[in-house]
Amino acid sequence: MGTLVVSLQDASPLRELRIGDPLDPSSYEVVYDSGETKAFLEVSREVFNAVDADTFVSVAQERDGQHVFVKLVDVARRVPVYVPEAEAKGASSRKKLLLYARRPTSDDHLLEKKTWEHADLAPRGPWTNYSVVPWLSLGRTQALILSDEHTLTQRLPRERIFEHLVLVVNCHEDRPDKSKYLAGAVEGRPPPAVMAHAVHKWFSHDKGVVEKNDAIQRAIWAALQRGTVAVHCLAGIHRAACIVACHFLYRHYQLGHTSVSRDCNDIYKRLQEVRPAVAPAYVDLLRNYEAHCKRIAKHRLAQPPSASSSSSNGGGE
């Protein structure tokens, strides 16, 4: 399986948690800001004092993209067990935190190679885990964001981009509690609209899936004309990334924005530039949507040009 790494942002002097075998408590290590490493079992109380939450760590994913967690308190008690995503999300705790482990890569020092030019609105401070997708953003207050869920359930006054949030796309639930979204809660303004589809329940051969995806993409594009859009699942690296990848295809083929990439491999490379943990998933959904978009484009190109067409360049503010 290889070592997994969990960032412990805002838990100074702790920097990260390293996991060898999720079911072997002795393989858990804590790395400090100083670079010192200690066994988790020796310093678990210090970790819990720093994090101060009922903490679940995603250590794997099912074939359908749902996360598999372990609970840190169970690791400290030397009785870790795998916890399904539904159980972790449904756990009733005074203060719950879902963290996501990843495999370290040799490119970690190149994080955020492509930057958004309005970074003053999105400083991405402690306990936030979101990434602006610059190729799909239209202007200073019209950003397309790929995010985890936890970020969007916090009040984030320093992250001023969320003052302009007009749409949240939830990719892991069909009927979420819309009141949980606090990042876009601004006094005097209506809360952001919420669209929700549990993408891991979609079947690529179902005709209705393409229609659902089209509805999401149209809503994202319409919302971007008015403000910022956040697309999320739990970690913002598989289900949500697939939907954002589909938006590249929607823009290129259906809207005729030829400057937007249409190559699926290139699209994922771009997403990984701003969010390195992203990995291709639900490839059959992506390929089926690509074929659908190509059919739409072929039909569009067969029609005589319209003098009122204004969707050829994808520009914004």
Protein backbone atom coordinates (compact mmCIF):
# COMPACT_ATOMS: atom_id res chain seq x y z
CA MET A 1 0.00 0.00 0.00
CA GLY A 2 2.84 2.41 0.76
CA THR A 3 2.98 5.26 3.24
CA LEU A 4 0.01 7.59 3.49
CA VAL A 5 0.34 11.22 4.61
CA VAL A 6 -2.27 13.34 6.38
CA SER A 7 -1.72 17.09 6.69
CA LEU A 8 -2.32 18.46 10.21
CA GLN A 9 -2.78 22.10 9.26
CA ASP A 10 -3.40 24.55 12.09
CA ALA A 11 -2.19 21.98 14.63
CA SER A 12 1.27 23.42 15.23
CA PRO A 13 3.77 22.17 16.28
CA LEU A 14 2.39 19.09 14.49
CA ARG A 15 2.81 19.01 10.71
CA GLU A 16 1.55 15.68 9.43
CA LEU A 17 0.55 12.15 10.31
CA ARG A 18 2.15 9.26 8.42
CA ILE A 19 0.45 5.87 8.14
CA GLY A 20 2.10 2.64 7.06
CA ASP A 21 -0.73 0.14 7.58
CA PRO A 22 -4.09 1.69 8.59
CA LEU A 23 -4.91 -1.31 10.79
CA ASP A 24 -1.50 -1.37 12.53
CA PRO A 25 -1.35 1.38 15.18
CA SER A 26 2.42 0.95 15.54
CA SER A 27 2.86 2.15 11.94
CA TYR A 28 1.37 5.60 12.66
CA GLU A 29 3.91 8.42 13.07
CA VAL A 30 3.58 12.11 13.84
CA VAL A 31 5.91 14.60 12.13
CA TYR A 32 6.53 17.94 13.85
CA ASP A 33 7.24 21.32 12.26
CA SER A 34 10.86 20.84 13.33
CA GLY A 35 11.09 17.62 11.29
CA GLU A 36 11.19 15.41 14.39
CA THR A 37 9.20 12.18 14.12
CA LYS A 38 7.51 10.31 16.98
CA ALA A 39 5.28 7.26 17.21
CA PHE A 40 1.62 8.28 17.28
CA LEU A 41 0.91 5.93 20.17
CA GLU A 42 3.46 7.82 22.28
CA VAL A 43 2.03 11.28 21.58
CA SER A 44 -1.65 10.57 20.84
CA ARG A 45 -2.81 12.77 23.73
CA GLU A 46 -0.81 15.68 22.26
CA VAL A 47 -2.44 15.06 18.87
CA PHE A 48 -5.94 15.05 20.32
CA ASN A 49 -5.23 18.24 22.27
CA ALA A 50 -4.01 19.96 19.09
CA VAL A 51 -6.77 18.75 16.78
CA ASP A 52 -9.58 18.81 19.38
CA ALA A 53 -12.13 16.90 17.29
CA ASP A 54 -13.55 13.44 16.79
CA THR A 55 -11.26 12.68 13.87
CA PHE A 56 -11.80 10.22 11.03
CA VAL A 57 -9.04 9.69 8.46
CA SER A 58 -9.80 8.45 4.95
CA VAL A 59 -7.23 5.77 4.10
CA ALA A 60 -8.74 4.15 0.99
CA GLN A 61 -11.63 4.31 -1.45
CA GLU A 62 -14.14 1.76 -2.64
CA ARG A 63 -14.53 0.99 -6.34
CA ASP A 64 -17.45 3.43 -6.50
CA GLY A 65 -15.30 6.22 -5.05
CA GLN A 66 -16.71 6.26 -1.53
CA HIS A 67 -14.12 6.73 1.21
CA VAL A 68 -13.03 4.21 3.83
CA PHE A 69 -12.01 5.75 7.16
CA VAL A 70 -10.33 4.85 10.41
CA LYS A 71 -11.11 6.69 13.63
CA LEU A 72 -8.03 8.11 15.33
CA VAL A 73 -9.31 7.39 18.82
CA ASP A 74 -9.62 3.70 17.83
CA VAL A 75 -6.02 3.77 16.62
CA ALA A 76 -4.94 5.22 19.97
CA ARG A 77 -6.85 2.41 21.70
CA ARG A 78 -5.06 -0.10 19.43
CA VAL A 79 -8.34 -1.39 17.96
CA PRO A 80 -8.63 0.34 14.56
CA VAL A 81 -11.32 -0.87 12.18
CA TYR A 82 -12.41 0.34 8.77
CA VAL A 83 -15.38 2.71 8.89
CA PRO A 84 -17.58 3.13 5.78
CA GLU A 85 -18.16 6.63 4.43
CA ALA A 86 -21.83 6.66 5.39
CA GLU A 87 -21.00 5.79 9.00
CA ALA A 88 -18.27 8.43 9.25
CA LYS A 89 -20.51 11.12 7.78
CA GLY A 90 -23.38 10.11 10.04
CA ALA A 91 -21.38 9.96 13.26
CA SER A 92 -22.96 12.17 15.90
CA SER A 93 -20.14 14.08 17.56
CA ARG A 94 -19.92 17.45 19.24
CA LYS A 95 -17.05 18.26 16.93
CA LYS A 96 -16.22 16.01 13.99
CA LEU A 97 -13.36 16.28 11.53
CA LEU A 98 -12.82 14.26 8.35
CA LEU A 99 -9.23 14.19 7.08
CA TYR A 100 -7.90 12.63 3.89
CA ALA A 101 -4.66 10.72 3.57
CA ARG A 102 -2.72 10.72 0.32
CA ARG A 103 0.41 9.12 -1.03
CA PRO A 104 3.35 11.55 -1.15
CA THR A 105 4.73 12.33 -4.59
CA SER A 106 8.04 13.65 -5.84
CA ASP A 107 6.20 16.78 -7.06
CA ASP A 108 4.96 17.91 -3.66
CA HIS A 109 7.29 20.91 -3.79
CA LEU A 110 5.51 22.05 -6.97
CA LEU A 111 2.06 22.49 -5.42
CA GLU A 112 -0.08 25.22 -6.98
CA LYS A 113 2.17 25.57 -10.03
CA LYS A 114 -0.65 27.35 -11.84
CA THR A 115 -1.89 30.22 -9.70
CA TRP A 116 -5.04 32.32 -9.85
CA GLU A 117 -4.28 35.99 -10.31
CA HIS A 118 -6.73 37.11 -7.62
CA ALA A 119 -5.11 35.28 -4.73
CA ASP A 120 -5.94 38.11 -2.31
CA LEU A 121 -9.53 36.83 -2.33
CA ALA A 122 -8.46 33.24 -1.77
CA PRO A 123 -5.48 33.06 0.62
CA ARG A 124 -6.34 29.43 1.47
CA GLY A 125 -5.58 29.69 5.15
CA PRO A 126 -5.45 26.96 7.82
CA TRP A 127 -8.24 24.41 7.81
CA THR A 128 -9.25 25.19 4.25
CA ASN A 129 -8.85 22.67 1.47
CA TYR A 130 -10.01 24.14 -1.80
CA SER A 131 -8.46 25.01 -5.14
CA VAL A 132 -9.47 27.59 -7.73
CA VAL A 133 -9.51 26.14 -11.26
CA PRO A 134 -8.13 29.11 -13.23
CA TRP A 135 -8.85 27.76 -16.73
CA LEU A 136 -12.58 27.70 -15.99
CA SER A 137 -12.86 30.86 -13.89
CA LEU A 138 -14.22 33.99 -15.55
CA GLY A 139 -13.03 36.86 -13.39
CA ARG A 140 -12.09 38.19 -9.98
CA THR A 141 -15.38 37.23 -8.35
CA GLN A 142 -16.33 34.49 -10.81
CA ALA A 143 -14.19 31.54 -9.76
CA LEU A 144 -14.78 27.83 -10.22
CA ILE A 145 -13.62 26.10 -7.04
CA LEU A 146 -12.87 22.43 -6.40
CA SER A 147 -13.24 21.78 -2.68
CA ASP A 148 -13.63 19.29 0.09
CA GLU A 149 -16.86 19.46 2.07
CA HIS A 150 -15.36 20.50 5.42
CA THR A 151 -14.12 23.81 4.02
CA LEU A 152 -17.60 24.78 2.87
CA THR A 153 -19.14 24.08 6.27
CA GLN A 154 -17.00 26.71 8.00
CA ARG A 155 -17.33 30.47 8.30
CA LEU A 156 -14.29 31.81 6.46
CA PRO A 157 -14.14 35.61 6.72
CA ARG A 158 -10.56 35.74 5.43
CA GLU A 159 -11.44 33.72 2.33
CA ARG A 160 -13.36 36.55 0.69
CA ILE A 161 -13.98 34.65 -2.52
CA PHE A 162 -16.81 32.87 -0.70
CA GLU A 163 -18.61 36.20 -0.29
CA HIS A 164 -19.40 35.75 -3.99
CA LEU A 165 -20.51 32.12 -3.78
CA VAL A 166 -23.77 31.65 -5.67
CA LEU A 167 -23.85 27.87 -6.27
CA VAL A 168 -22.64 24.78 -4.44
CA VAL A 169 -22.58 21.46 -6.31
CA ASN A 170 -22.55 18.50 -3.91
CA CYS A 171 -21.27 15.36 -5.67
CA HIS A 172 -21.60 12.82 -2.87
CA GLU A 173 -25.17 13.24 -1.58
CA ASP A 174 -28.60 13.39 -3.20
CA ARG A 175 -30.38 15.20 -0.36
CA PRO A 176 -27.88 17.12 1.79
CA ASP A 177 -28.71 19.41 4.67
CA LYS A 178 -28.31 22.73 2.88
CA SER A 179 -27.96 24.62 6.16
CA LYS A 180 -24.49 23.11 6.68
CA TYR A 181 -22.93 25.42 4.09
CA LEU A 182 -21.54 28.35 6.08
CA ALA A 183 -18.69 29.49 3.80
CA GLY A 184 -21.13 31.40 1.59
CA ALA A 185 -23.28 32.74 4.43
CA VAL A 186 -23.07 36.53 4.11
CA GLU A 187 -25.40 38.81 6.03
CA GLY A 188 -27.81 40.59 3.74
CA ARG A 189 -27.34 38.17 0.87
CA PRO A 190 -29.31 35.03 0.01
CA PRO A 191 -27.45 31.76 0.63
CA PRO A 192 -25.92 29.99 -2.36
CA ALA A 193 -28.11 27.62 -4.32
CA VAL A 194 -27.31 23.93 -3.87
CA MET A 195 -27.40 21.16 -6.47
CA ALA A 196 -26.81 17.62 -5.23
CA HIS A 197 -26.13 14.33 -6.99
CA ALA A 198 -24.43 11.27 -5.50
CA VAL A 199 -22.13 10.65 -8.45
CA HIS A 200 -20.95 7.29 -7.09
CA LYS A 201 -24.51 6.02 -7.64
CA TRP A 202 -24.50 6.92 -11.33
CA PHE A 203 -24.24 4.21 -13.97
CA SER A 204 -22.58 5.29 -17.19
CA HIS A 205 -24.96 3.31 -19.42
CA ASP A 206 -28.03 5.03 -17.95
CA LYS A 207 -29.28 7.69 -20.38
CA GLY A 208 -30.47 9.79 -17.46
CA VAL A 209 -26.90 10.23 -16.25
CA VAL A 210 -25.92 12.37 -19.24
CA GLU A 211 -29.02 14.49 -18.73
CA LYS A 212 -28.17 14.99 -15.05
CA ASN A 213 -24.59 15.90 -15.95
CA ASP A 214 -25.78 18.35 -18.60
CA ALA A 215 -28.06 20.00 -16.05
CA ILE A 216 -25.13 20.41 -13.64
CA GLN A 217 -22.87 21.86 -16.33
CA ARG A 218 -25.54 24.33 -17.50
CA ALA A 219 -26.12 25.41 -13.91
CA ILE A 220 -22.37 25.90 -13.31
CA TRP A 221 -22.03 28.02 -16.44
CA ALA A 222 -25.10 30.12 -15.64
CA ALA A 223 -23.93 30.66 -12.04
CA LEU A 224 -20.45 31.72 -13.15
CA GLN A 225 -22.03 34.67 -14.94
CA ARG A 226 -23.14 35.96 -11.52
CA GLY A 227 -20.43 34.81 -9.12
CA THR A 228 -18.42 31.90 -7.78
CA VAL A 229 -19.24 28.18 -7.91
CA ALA A 230 -17.89 25.50 -5.53
CA VAL A 231 -17.96 21.85 -6.61
CA HIS A 232 -17.27 19.36 -3.82
CA CYS A 233 -17.52 15.77 -2.67
CA LEU A 234 -15.95 14.68 0.62
CA ALA A 235 -12.31 15.24 -0.32
CA GLY A 236 -12.75 17.07 -3.62
CA ILE A 237 -10.42 14.79 -5.55
CA HIS A 238 -12.51 12.13 -7.33
CA ARG A 239 -16.28 12.63 -7.69
CA ALA A 240 -16.12 16.43 -7.74
CA ALA A 241 -13.01 16.38 -9.94
CA CYS A 242 -14.88 14.25 -12.49
CA ILE A 243 -17.72 16.79 -12.64
CA VAL A 244 -15.24 19.65 -13.06
CA ALA A 245 -13.43 17.69 -15.77
CA CYS A 246 -16.78 17.35 -17.54
CA HIS A 247 -17.14 21.14 -17.40
CA PHE A 248 -14.01 21.46 -19.53
CA LEU A 249 -15.72 19.26 -22.14
CA TYR A 250 -19.02 21.15 -21.85
CA ARG A 251 -17.29 24.47 -22.41
CA HIS A 252 -15.19 23.24 -25.33
CA TYR A 253 -17.77 21.24 -27.25
CA GLN A 254 -21.17 22.58 -26.28
CA LEU A 255 -20.31 26.27 -25.85
CA GLY A 256 -17.56 26.32 -28.47
CA HIS A 257 -14.88 27.70 -26.15
CA THR A 258 -11.97 26.38 -28.19
CA SER A 259 -9.37 27.77 -25.76
CA VAL A 260 -10.63 25.35 -23.09
CA SER A 261 -8.92 21.95 -23.14
CA ARG A 262 -10.84 18.98 -24.56
CA ASP A 263 -8.19 16.29 -23.96
CA CYS A 264 -9.13 14.23 -20.90
CA ASN A 265 -5.53 13.43 -19.99
CA ASP A 266 -4.56 17.09 -20.25
CA ILE A 267 -7.61 18.11 -18.22
CA TYR A 268 -6.58 15.89 -15.32
CA LYS A 269 -2.99 17.12 -15.53
CA ARG A 270 -4.28 20.67 -15.19
CA LEU A 271 -6.47 19.77 -12.22
CA GLN A 272 -3.47 18.08 -10.60
CA GLU A 273 -1.43 21.28 -11.07
CA VAL A 274 -3.73 23.12 -8.68
CA ARG A 275 -4.86 20.12 -6.61
CA PRO A 276 -2.18 17.38 -6.65
CA ALA A 277 -4.30 14.75 -4.88
CA VAL A 278 -6.78 14.67 -7.77
CA ALA A 279 -6.80 11.34 -9.59
CA PRO A 280 -8.81 10.16 -12.60
CA ALA A 281 -11.94 8.36 -11.46
CA TYR A 282 -15.31 7.52 -13.01
CA VAL A 283 -13.55 7.45 -16.35
CA ASP A 284 -16.52 5.75 -18.00
CA LEU A 285 -18.75 8.68 -16.98
CA LEU A 286 -16.22 11.13 -18.36
CA ARG A 287 -15.81 9.29 -21.67
CA ASN A 288 -19.58 8.91 -22.14
CA TYR A 289 -20.05 12.59 -21.45
CA GLU A 290 -17.26 13.40 -23.90
CA ALA A 291 -19.05 11.38 -26.61
CA HIS A 292 -22.31 13.18 -25.80
CA CYS A 293 -20.63 16.60 -26.02
CA LYS A 294 -19.04 15.69 -29.36
CA ARG A 295 -22.47 14.80 -30.75
CA ILE A 296 -23.83 18.13 -29.56
CA ALA A 297 -20.89 19.95 -31.17
CA LYS A 298 -21.32 18.12 -34.45
CA HIS A 299 -24.98 19.11 -34.55
CA ARG A 300 -24.16 22.71 -33.60
CA LEU A 301 -21.53 23.04 -36.31
CA ALA A 302 -23.98 21.70 -38.87
CA GLN A 303 -26.33 24.64 -38.18
CA PRO A 304 -25.96 28.02 -39.91
CA PRO A 305 -24.10 30.58 -37.76
CA SER A 306 -26.26 32.82 -35.58
CA ALA A 307 -25.56 36.52 -35.51
CA SER A 308 -26.55 36.57 -31.85
CA SER A 309 -24.13 33.85 -30.80
CA SER A 310 -21.95 35.07 -27.95
CA SER A 311 -20.46 31.88 -26.58
CA SER A 312 -17.39 31.46 -28.78
CA ASN A 313 -14.59 32.63 -26.56
CA GLY A 314 -15.50 31.85 -22.94
CA GLY A 315 -14.32 35.23 -21.69
CA GLY A 316 -15.43 36.93 -18.48
CA GLU A 317 -14.67 40.05 -16.57
